[in-house]
Amino acid sequence: KGKDVIELIHNKLYAQKFKAFDLGVQYVPHIT
């Protein structure tokens, strides 16, 4: 539950300042 909001935040962050650090790995919200 909440994956959609976590993914939204992740995508917003990578769309701005962190785009250069995108490793091209599929993002799956979780706790390691």
All heavy atoms as atom14 arrays in JSON, in Angstrom:
{
  "sequence": "KGKDVIELIHNKLYAQKFKAFDLGVQYVPHIT",
  "atom14_mask": [
    [1, 1, 1, 1, 1, 1, 1, 1, 1, 0, 0, 0, 0, 0],
    [1, 1, 1, 1, 0, 0, 0, 0, 0, 0, 0, 0, 0, 0],
    [1, 1, 1, 1, 1, 1, 1, 1, 1, 0, 0, 0, 0, 0],
    [1, 1, 1, 1, 1, 1, 1, 1, 0, 0, 0, 0, 0, 0],
    [1, 1, 1, 1, 1, 1, 1, 0, 0, 0, 0, 0, 0, 0],
    [1, 1, 1, 1, 1, 1, 1, 1, 0, 0, 0, 0, 0, 0],
    [1, 1, 1, 1, 1, 1, 1, 1, 1, 0, 0, 0, 0, 0],
    [1, 1, 1, 1, 1, 1, 1, 1, 0, 0, 0, 0, 0, 0],
    [1, 1, 1, 1, 1, 1, 1, 1, 0, 0, 0, 0, 0, 0],
    [1, 1, 1, 1, 1, 1, 1, 1, 1, 1, 0, 0, 0, 0],
    [1, 1, 1, 1, 1, 1, 1, 1, 0, 0, 0, 0, 0, 0],
    [1, 1, 1, 1, 1, 1, 1, 1, 1, 0, 0, 0, 0, 0],
    [1, 1, 1, 1, 1, 1, 1, 1, 0, 0, 0, 0, 0, 0],
    [1, 1, 1, 1, 1, 1, 1, 1, 1, 1, 1, 1, 0, 0],
    [1, 1, 1, 1, 1, 0, 0, 0, 0, 0, 0, 0, 0, 0],
    [1, 1, 1, 1, 1, 1, 1, 1, 1, 0, 0, 0, 0, 0],
    [1, 1, 1, 1, 1, 1, 1, 1, 1, 0, 0, 0, 0, 0],
    [1, 1, 1, 1, 1, 1, 1, 1, 1, 1, 1, 0, 0, 0],
    [1, 1, 1, 1, 1, 1, 1, 1, 1, 0, 0, 0, 0, 0],
    [1, 1, 1, 1, 1, 0, 0, 0, 0, 0, 0, 0, 0, 0],
    [1, 1, 1, 1, 1, 1, 1, 1, 1, 1, 1, 0, 0, 0],
    [1, 1, 1, 1, 1, 1, 1, 1, 0, 0, 0, 0, 0, 0],
    [1, 1, 1, 1, 1, 1, 1, 1, 0, 0, 0, 0, 0, 0],
    [1, 1, 1, 1, 0, 0, 0, 0, 0, 0, 0, 0, 0, 0],
    [1, 1, 1, 1, 1, 1, 1, 0, 0, 0, 0, 0, 0, 0],
    [1, 1, 1, 1, 1, 1, 1, 1, 1, 0, 0, 0, 0, 0],
    [1, 1, 1, 1, 1, 1, 1, 1, 1, 1, 1, 1, 0, 0],
    [1, 1, 1, 1, 1, 1, 1, 0, 0, 0, 0, 0, 0, 0],
    [1, 1, 1, 1, 1, 1, 1, 0, 0, 0, 0, 0, 0, 0],
    [1, 1, 1, 1, 1, 1, 1, 1, 1, 1, 0, 0, 0, 0],
    [1, 1, 1, 1, 1, 1, 1, 1, 0, 0, 0, 0, 0, 0],
    [1, 1, 1, 1, 1, 1, 1, 0, 0, 0, 0, 0, 0, 0]
  ],
  "atom14_positions": [
    [[0.87, -1.19, 0.0], [0.0, 0.0, 0.0], [0.9, 1.23, 0.0], [1.9, 1.27, 0.72], [-0.89, 0.01, 1.25], [-1.83, 1.18, 1.36], [-2.67, 1.06, 2.62], [-3.62, 2.22, 2.77], [-4.38, 2.11, 4.03], [0.0, 0.0, 0.0], [0.0, 0.0, 0.0], [0.0, 0.0, 0.0], [0.0, 0.0, 0.0], [0.0, 0.0, 0.0]],
    [[0.55, 2.21, -0.82], [1.33, 3.45, -0.89], [2.38, 3.46, -1.97], [3.08, 4.45, -2.15], [0.0, 0.0, 0.0], [0.0, 0.0, 0.0], [0.0, 0.0, 0.0], [0.0, 0.0, 0.0], [0.0, 0.0, 0.0], [0.0, 0.0, 0.0], [0.0, 0.0, 0.0], [0.0, 0.0, 0.0], [0.0, 0.0, 0.0], [0.0, 0.0, 0.0]],
    [[2.49, 2.35, -2.73], [3.5, 2.28, -3.79], [3.36, 3.4, -4.8], [4.36, 3.94, -5.26], [3.39, 0.94, -4.53], [3.92, -0.23, -3.78], [3.58, -1.55, -4.46], [4.34, -1.71, -5.74], [4.26, -3.09, -6.27], [0.0, 0.0, 0.0], [0.0, 0.0, 0.0], [0.0, 0.0, 0.0], [0.0, 0.0, 0.0], [0.0, 0.0, 0.0]],
    [[2.13, 3.75, -5.13], [1.9, 4.77, -6.15], [2.48, 6.13, -5.74], [3.09, 6.82, -6.55], [0.41, 4.89, -6.49], [-0.47, 5.13, -5.27], [-0.06, 4.81, -4.13], [-1.58, 5.65, -5.46], [0.0, 0.0, 0.0], [0.0, 0.0, 0.0], [0.0, 0.0, 0.0], [0.0, 0.0, 0.0], [0.0, 0.0, 0.0], [0.0, 0.0, 0.0]],
    [[2.35, 6.48, -4.48], [2.88, 7.77, -4.02], [4.41, 7.71, -3.95], [5.08, 8.66, -4.37], [2.29, 8.17, -2.65], [2.83, 9.53, -2.2], [0.77, 8.19, -2.7], [0.0, 0.0, 0.0], [0.0, 0.0, 0.0], [0.0, 0.0, 0.0], [0.0, 0.0, 0.0], [0.0, 0.0, 0.0], [0.0, 0.0, 0.0], [0.0, 0.0, 0.0]],
    [[4.94, 6.61, -3.46], [6.41, 6.45, -3.41], [6.99, 6.53, -4.82], [7.99, 7.2, -5.05], [6.79, 5.13, -2.72], [6.35, 5.12, -1.25], [8.29, 4.85, -2.87], [7.11, 6.06, -0.35], [0.0, 0.0, 0.0], [0.0, 0.0, 0.0], [0.0, 0.0, 0.0], [0.0, 0.0, 0.0], [0.0, 0.0, 0.0], [0.0, 0.0, 0.0]],
    [[6.38, 5.85, -5.77], [6.86, 5.88, -7.15], [6.76, 7.29, -7.74], [7.65, 7.73, -8.46], [6.08, 4.89, -8.01], [6.43, 3.46, -7.7], [5.51, 2.44, -8.36], [4.41, 2.83, -8.86], [5.87, 1.26, -8.37], [0.0, 0.0, 0.0], [0.0, 0.0, 0.0], [0.0, 0.0, 0.0], [0.0, 0.0, 0.0], [0.0, 0.0, 0.0]],
    [[5.69, 8.01, -7.42], [5.53, 9.39, -7.87], [6.68, 10.27, -7.36], [7.29, 11.02, -8.13], [4.19, 9.96, -7.42], [3.96, 11.45, -7.68], [3.84, 11.73, -9.17], [2.73, 11.94, -6.94], [0.0, 0.0, 0.0], [0.0, 0.0, 0.0], [0.0, 0.0, 0.0], [0.0, 0.0, 0.0], [0.0, 0.0, 0.0], [0.0, 0.0, 0.0]],
    [[6.98, 10.15, -6.07], [8.08, 10.94, -5.49], [9.39, 10.57, -6.16], [10.18, 11.44, -6.55], [8.15, 10.74, -3.96], [6.88, 11.28, -3.29], [9.41, 11.41, -3.4], [6.74, 10.9, -1.83], [0.0, 0.0, 0.0], [0.0, 0.0, 0.0], [0.0, 0.0, 0.0], [0.0, 0.0, 0.0], [0.0, 0.0, 0.0], [0.0, 0.0, 0.0]],
    [[9.67, 9.29, -6.29], [10.89, 8.81, -6.95], [11.01, 9.42, -8.36], [12.05, 9.96, -8.72], [10.86, 7.28, -7.02], [11.89, 6.68, -7.92], [13.17, 6.42, -7.52], [11.81, 6.29, -9.22], [13.85, 5.9, -8.53], [13.04, 5.81, -9.57], [0.0, 0.0, 0.0], [0.0, 0.0, 0.0], [0.0, 0.0, 0.0], [0.0, 0.0, 0.0]],
    [[9.94, 9.32, -9.13], [9.96, 9.83, -10.5], [10.15, 11.34, -10.56], [10.88, 11.85, -11.42], [8.69, 9.42, -11.24], [8.63, 7.91, -11.47], [9.64, 7.22, -11.47], [7.42, 7.41, -11.65], [0.0, 0.0, 0.0], [0.0, 0.0, 0.0], [0.0, 0.0, 0.0], [0.0, 0.0, 0.0], [0.0, 0.0, 0.0], [0.0, 0.0, 0.0]],
    [[9.53, 12.06, -9.64], [9.7, 13.52, -9.6], [11.14, 13.9, -9.28], [11.69, 14.82, -9.88], [8.74, 14.14, -8.58], [7.29, 14.14, -9.01], [6.39, 14.69, -7.93], [6.17, 16.15, -8.16], [5.15, 16.73, -7.26], [0.0, 0.0, 0.0], [0.0, 0.0, 0.0], [0.0, 0.0, 0.0], [0.0, 0.0, 0.0], [0.0, 0.0, 0.0]],
    [[11.73, 13.2, -8.35], [13.12, 13.49, -7.98], [14.08, 13.21, -9.14], [14.96, 14.01, -9.43], [13.52, 12.71, -6.73], [12.85, 13.16, -5.43], [13.09, 12.16, -4.32], [13.35, 14.55, -5.02], [0.0, 0.0, 0.0], [0.0, 0.0, 0.0], [0.0, 0.0, 0.0], [0.0, 0.0, 0.0], [0.0, 0.0, 0.0], [0.0, 0.0, 0.0]],
    [[13.88, 12.09, -9.82], [14.76, 11.75, -10.94], [14.5, 12.64, -12.15], [15.4, 12.82, -12.98], [14.64, 10.28, -11.31], [15.6, 9.41, -10.52], [15.14, 8.57, -9.53], [16.97, 9.46, -10.77], [16.02, 7.78, -8.81], [17.85, 8.68, -10.04], [17.38, 7.84, -9.07], [18.25, 7.07, -8.35], [0.0, 0.0, 0.0], [0.0, 0.0, 0.0]],
    [[13.3, 13.18, -12.28], [13.01, 14.06, -13.41], [13.7, 15.4, -13.26], [13.87, 16.12, -14.25], [11.49, 14.25, -13.54], [0.0, 0.0, 0.0], [0.0, 0.0, 0.0], [0.0, 0.0, 0.0], [0.0, 0.0, 0.0], [0.0, 0.0, 0.0], [0.0, 0.0, 0.0], [0.0, 0.0, 0.0], [0.0, 0.0, 0.0], [0.0, 0.0, 0.0]],
    [[14.09, 15.75, -12.05], [14.73, 17.05, -11.82], [16.23, 16.88, -11.61], [16.94, 16.41, -12.48], [14.06, 17.74, -10.64], [12.65, 18.18, -10.99], [12.1, 19.16, -9.97], [12.82, 19.77, -9.19], [10.79, 19.31, -9.98], [0.0, 0.0, 0.0], [0.0, 0.0, 0.0], [0.0, 0.0, 0.0], [0.0, 0.0, 0.0], [0.0, 0.0, 0.0]],
    [[16.7, 17.18, -10.45], [18.12, 17.28, -10.15], [18.89, 15.96, -10.28], [20.09, 15.96, -10.53], [18.27, 17.82, -8.72], [19.66, 18.23, -8.35], [20.04, 19.53, -9.01], [21.35, 20.04, -8.51], [21.78, 21.24, -9.2], [0.0, 0.0, 0.0], [0.0, 0.0, 0.0], [0.0, 0.0, 0.0], [0.0, 0.0, 0.0], [0.0, 0.0, 0.0]],
    [[18.21, 14.83, -10.14], [18.92, 13.55, -10.05], [18.9, 12.74, -11.34], [19.32, 11.59, -11.36], [18.35, 12.72, -8.9], [18.37, 13.47, -7.61], [17.2, 13.91, -7.03], [19.57, 13.77, -6.98], [17.21, 14.62, -5.85], [19.6, 14.48, -5.8], [18.42, 14.92, -5.23], [0.0, 0.0, 0.0], [0.0, 0.0, 0.0], [0.0, 0.0, 0.0]],
    [[18.45, 13.34, -12.43], [18.36, 12.61, -13.7], [19.7, 12.01, -14.11], [19.76, 10.89, -14.62], [17.84, 13.55, -14.79], [17.5, 12.85, -16.07], [16.82, 13.79, -17.04], [16.3, 12.98, -18.2], [15.28, 13.67, -18.94], [0.0, 0.0, 0.0], [0.0, 0.0, 0.0], [0.0, 0.0, 0.0], [0.0, 0.0, 0.0], [0.0, 0.0, 0.0]],
    [[20.78, 12.72, -13.89], [22.11, 12.23, -14.27], [22.53, 10.99, -13.48], [23.43, 10.27, -13.9], [23.15, 13.34, -14.06], [0.0, 0.0, 0.0], [0.0, 0.0, 0.0], [0.0, 0.0, 0.0], [0.0, 0.0, 0.0], [0.0, 0.0, 0.0], [0.0, 0.0, 0.0], [0.0, 0.0, 0.0], [0.0, 0.0, 0.0], [0.0, 0.0, 0.0]],
    [[21.86, 10.72, -12.36], [22.23, 9.59, -11.51], [21.31, 8.38, -11.71], [21.42, 7.39, -11.0], [22.21, 10.0, -10.04], [23.09, 11.19, -9.76], [22.53, 12.41, -9.44], [24.46, 11.09, -9.84], [23.33, 13.52, -9.2], [25.28, 12.19, -9.6], [24.71, 13.41, -9.29], [0.0, 0.0, 0.0], [0.0, 0.0, 0.0], [0.0, 0.0, 0.0]],
    [[20.41, 8.47, -12.69], [19.49, 7.37, -12.96], [20.29, 6.19, -13.52], [20.93, 6.3, -14.57], [18.42, 7.82, -13.96], [17.32, 6.79, -14.13], [17.49, 5.62, -13.71], [16.27, 7.16, -14.69], [0.0, 0.0, 0.0], [0.0, 0.0, 0.0], [0.0, 0.0, 0.0], [0.0, 0.0, 0.0], [0.0, 0.0, 0.0], [0.0, 0.0, 0.0]],
    [[20.24, 5.07, -12.82], [20.99, 3.89, -13.22], [20.22, 3.0, -14.19], [20.72, 1.96, -14.61], [21.37, 3.07, -11.97], [22.18, 3.82, -10.92], [22.36, 2.97, -9.67], [23.52, 4.24, -11.49], [0.0, 0.0, 0.0], [0.0, 0.0, 0.0], [0.0, 0.0, 0.0], [0.0, 0.0, 0.0], [0.0, 0.0, 0.0], [0.0, 0.0, 0.0]],
    [[19.0, 3.4, -14.52], [18.2, 2.6, -15.44], [17.65, 1.33, -14.83], [17.22, 0.43, -15.54], [0.0, 0.0, 0.0], [0.0, 0.0, 0.0], [0.0, 0.0, 0.0], [0.0, 0.0, 0.0], [0.0, 0.0, 0.0], [0.0, 0.0, 0.0], [0.0, 0.0, 0.0], [0.0, 0.0, 0.0], [0.0, 0.0, 0.0], [0.0, 0.0, 0.0]],
    [[17.64, 1.25, -13.51], [17.12, 0.09, -12.8], [15.63, 0.3, -12.54], [15.22, 1.4, -12.14], [17.86, -0.1, -11.45], [17.28, -1.25, -10.65], [19.35, -0.3, -11.69], [0.0, 0.0, 0.0], [0.0, 0.0, 0.0], [0.0, 0.0, 0.0], [0.0, 0.0, 0.0], [0.0, 0.0, 0.0], [0.0, 0.0, 0.0], [0.0, 0.0, 0.0]],
    [[14.81, -0.73, -12.79], [13.38, -0.61, -12.51], [13.2, -0.37, -11.02], [13.73, -1.1, -10.19], [12.63, -1.86, -12.92], [11.14, -1.75, -12.63], [10.38, -3.01, -12.99], [10.93, -3.95, -13.55], [9.11, -3.03, -12.65], [0.0, 0.0, 0.0], [0.0, 0.0, 0.0], [0.0, 0.0, 0.0], [0.0, 0.0, 0.0], [0.0, 0.0, 0.0]],
    [[12.44, 0.66, -10.68], [12.23, 1.03, -9.28], [11.04, 0.28, -8.7], [9.95, 0.32, -9.26], [12.01, 2.54, -9.16], [11.8, 2.99, -7.74], [12.86, 2.97, -6.83], [10.56, 3.41, -7.3], [12.67, 3.37, -5.52], [10.37, 3.82, -5.99], [11.43, 3.8, -5.11], [11.26, 4.18, -3.81], [0.0, 0.0, 0.0], [0.0, 0.0, 0.0]],
    [[11.28, -0.41, -7.59], [10.23, -1.13, -6.87], [10.32, -0.72, -5.4], [11.3, -1.04, -4.73], [10.43, -2.66, -6.99], [9.36, -3.4, -6.21], [10.44, -3.1, -8.45], [0.0, 0.0, 0.0], [0.0, 0.0, 0.0], [0.0, 0.0, 0.0], [0.0, 0.0, 0.0], [0.0, 0.0, 0.0], [0.0, 0.0, 0.0], [0.0, 0.0, 0.0]],
    [[9.32, 0.02, -4.9], [9.36, 0.44, -3.5], [9.37, -0.77, -2.56], [8.61, -1.72, -2.74], [8.05, 1.23, -3.34], [7.7, 1.68, -4.72], [8.16, 0.57, -5.61], [0.0, 0.0, 0.0], [0.0, 0.0, 0.0], [0.0, 0.0, 0.0], [0.0, 0.0, 0.0], [0.0, 0.0, 0.0], [0.0, 0.0, 0.0], [0.0, 0.0, 0.0]],
    [[10.25, -0.71, -1.54], [10.44, -1.83, -0.61], [11.32, -1.36, 0.53], [11.87, -0.26, 0.49], [11.13, -3.0, -1.32], [12.53, -2.64, -1.74], [12.8, -1.96, -2.9], [13.73, -2.79, -1.12], [14.1, -1.74, -2.99], [14.69, -2.22, -1.91], [0.0, 0.0, 0.0], [0.0, 0.0, 0.0], [0.0, 0.0, 0.0], [0.0, 0.0, 0.0]],
    [[11.48, -2.21, 1.52], [12.51, -2.04, 2.54], [13.46, -3.22, 2.4], [13.03, -4.37, 2.41], [11.92, -1.98, 3.96], [11.11, -0.7, 4.15], [13.04, -2.07, 5.02], [10.48, -0.53, 5.52], [0.0, 0.0, 0.0], [0.0, 0.0, 0.0], [0.0, 0.0, 0.0], [0.0, 0.0, 0.0], [0.0, 0.0, 0.0], [0.0, 0.0, 0.0]],
    [[14.73, -2.93, 2.24], [15.72, -4.0, 2.14], [15.95, -4.57, 3.53], [16.24, -3.83, 4.46], [17.04, -3.47, 1.56], [16.79, -2.92, 0.27], [18.09, -4.58, 1.46], [0.0, 0.0, 0.0], [0.0, 0.0, 0.0], [0.0, 0.0, 0.0], [0.0, 0.0, 0.0], [0.0, 0.0, 0.0], [0.0, 0.0, 0.0], [0.0, 0.0, 0.0]]
  ]
}
